Protein backbone atom coordinates (compact mmCIF):
# COMPACT_ATOMS: atom_id res chain seq x y z
CA UNK A 1 -18.80 -6.11 51.22
CA UNK A 2 -18.93 -9.80 50.51
CA UNK A 3 -15.59 -11.55 50.95
CA UNK A 4 -15.87 -13.61 47.75
CA UNK A 5 -15.83 -10.42 45.64
CA UNK A 6 -12.49 -9.29 47.03
CA UNK A 7 -9.63 -10.54 44.89
CA UNK A 8 -5.95 -10.37 45.48
CA UNK A 9 -3.87 -7.89 43.53
CA UNK A 10 -1.77 -9.46 40.78
CA UNK A 11 1.76 -10.24 41.86
CA UNK A 12 4.83 -8.32 40.79
CA UNK A 13 5.79 -10.92 38.23
CA UNK A 14 2.33 -10.84 36.66
CA UNK A 15 2.31 -7.02 36.51
CA UNK A 16 5.82 -6.94 35.06
CA UNK A 17 4.85 -9.50 32.40
CA UNK A 18 1.82 -7.42 31.43
CA UNK A 19 3.92 -4.25 31.26
CA UNK A 20 6.53 -5.95 29.07
CA UNK A 21 3.84 -7.43 26.83
CA UNK A 22 2.08 -4.10 26.44
CA UNK A 23 5.30 -2.29 25.51
CA UNK A 24 6.35 -5.09 23.17
CA UNK A 25 3.04 -4.73 21.32
CA UNK A 26 3.44 -0.94 21.15
CA UNK A 27 6.99 -1.35 19.84
CA UNK A 28 5.84 -3.83 17.21
CA UNK A 29 3.06 -1.45 16.08
CA UNK A 30 5.53 1.44 15.88
CA UNK A 31 7.95 -0.68 13.85
CA UNK A 32 5.22 -1.73 11.39
CA UNK A 33 4.03 1.88 10.99
CA UNK A 34 7.58 3.13 10.43
CA UNK A 35 8.20 0.40 7.83
CA UNK A 36 4.99 1.22 5.97
CA UNK A 37 5.82 4.92 6.11
CA UNK A 38 9.26 4.27 4.61
CA UNK A 39 7.70 2.15 1.86
CA UNK A 40 5.16 4.88 1.01
CA UNK A 41 7.95 7.48 0.94
CA UNK A 42 10.03 5.38 -1.46
CA UNK A 43 7.05 4.81 -3.78
CA UNK A 44 6.13 8.52 -3.78
CA UNK A 45 9.71 9.56 -4.46
CA UNK A 46 10.03 7.05 -7.31
CA UNK A 47 6.81 8.13 -8.98
CA UNK A 48 8.27 11.05 -11.01
CA UNK A 49 11.07 8.79 -12.24
CA UNK A 50 8.55 6.14 -13.28
CA UNK A 51 6.40 8.74 -15.06
CA UNK A 52 9.44 10.13 -16.90
CA UNK A 53 10.56 6.63 -17.91
CA UNK A 54 7.07 5.75 -19.15
CA UNK A 55 6.89 8.97 -21.18
CA UNK A 56 10.30 8.31 -22.74
CA UNK A 57 9.35 4.69 -23.50
CA UNK A 58 6.16 5.82 -25.23
CA UNK A 59 8.10 8.40 -27.23
CA UNK A 60 10.69 5.76 -28.19
CA UNK A 61 7.95 3.39 -29.28
CA UNK A 62 6.32 6.05 -31.47
CA UNK A 63 9.70 6.93 -32.98
CA UNK A 64 10.40 3.24 -33.71
CA UNK A 65 6.91 2.86 -35.20
CA UNK A 66 7.51 5.80 -37.55
CA UNK A 67 10.85 4.37 -38.66
CA UNK A 68 9.76 0.75 -39.12
CA UNK A 69 6.19 1.34 -40.29
CA UNK A 70 4.83 -1.07 -37.65
CA UNK A 71 2.01 0.37 -35.55
CA UNK A 72 2.61 1.17 -31.88
CA UNK A 73 1.54 -1.98 -30.03
CA UNK A 74 1.98 -0.50 -26.53
CA UNK A 75 -0.57 2.23 -27.17
CA UNK A 76 -3.24 -0.29 -28.19
CA UNK A 77 -2.51 -2.57 -25.22
CA UNK A 78 -2.23 0.37 -22.82
CA UNK A 79 -5.56 1.90 -23.84
CA UNK A 80 -7.29 -1.45 -23.40
CA UNK A 81 -5.81 -1.85 -19.93
CA UNK A 82 -6.80 1.69 -19.02
CA UNK A 83 -10.39 1.05 -20.13
CA UNK A 84 -10.54 -2.11 -17.99
CA UNK A 85 -9.15 -0.31 -14.93
CA UNK A 86 -11.69 2.51 -15.35
CA UNK A 87 -14.52 0.01 -15.72
CA UNK A 88 -13.46 -1.89 -12.57
CA UNK A 89 -13.01 1.34 -10.61
CA UNK A 90 -16.48 2.59 -11.48
CA UNK A 91 -18.00 -0.82 -10.74
CA UNK A 92 -16.33 -0.88 -7.31
CA UNK A 93 -17.30 2.72 -6.62
CA UNK A 94 -20.95 2.34 -7.56
CA UNK A 95 -21.53 -1.05 -5.94
CA UNK A 96 -19.78 -0.24 -2.62
CA UNK A 97 -21.96 -0.72 0.45
CA UNK A 98 -22.64 2.35 2.55
C-alpha cells in the first residue's frame, strides 16, 4: 500500500462536531415535519366548519335576494371563479410534462 493513500482518522472533536451536526439536521427535519403535520391537521379539522359556514352564507344570500329583489351576486361571482379554477386545473393537468 502506498503511504500517500493512508490518511489519519478524524480527531475526536471533528467526529463529535459531525455527530452534533447530523443530529441537529435530523432534529430540524423532524420539527419541520411535525409543524407541517399540525398545520394539515388543523386545516382538515376546520374544513367541515368552513363548508357549513359557506352553505349558511349562500342560504342567507338567497334569502336576502328573495326579500330585497336584488339578484344573488355571490352566486354569479362564485360560478365565474369556479369556471376559471377548472380551466386552470385542466390546463395544468394536460400540459404537465411526463
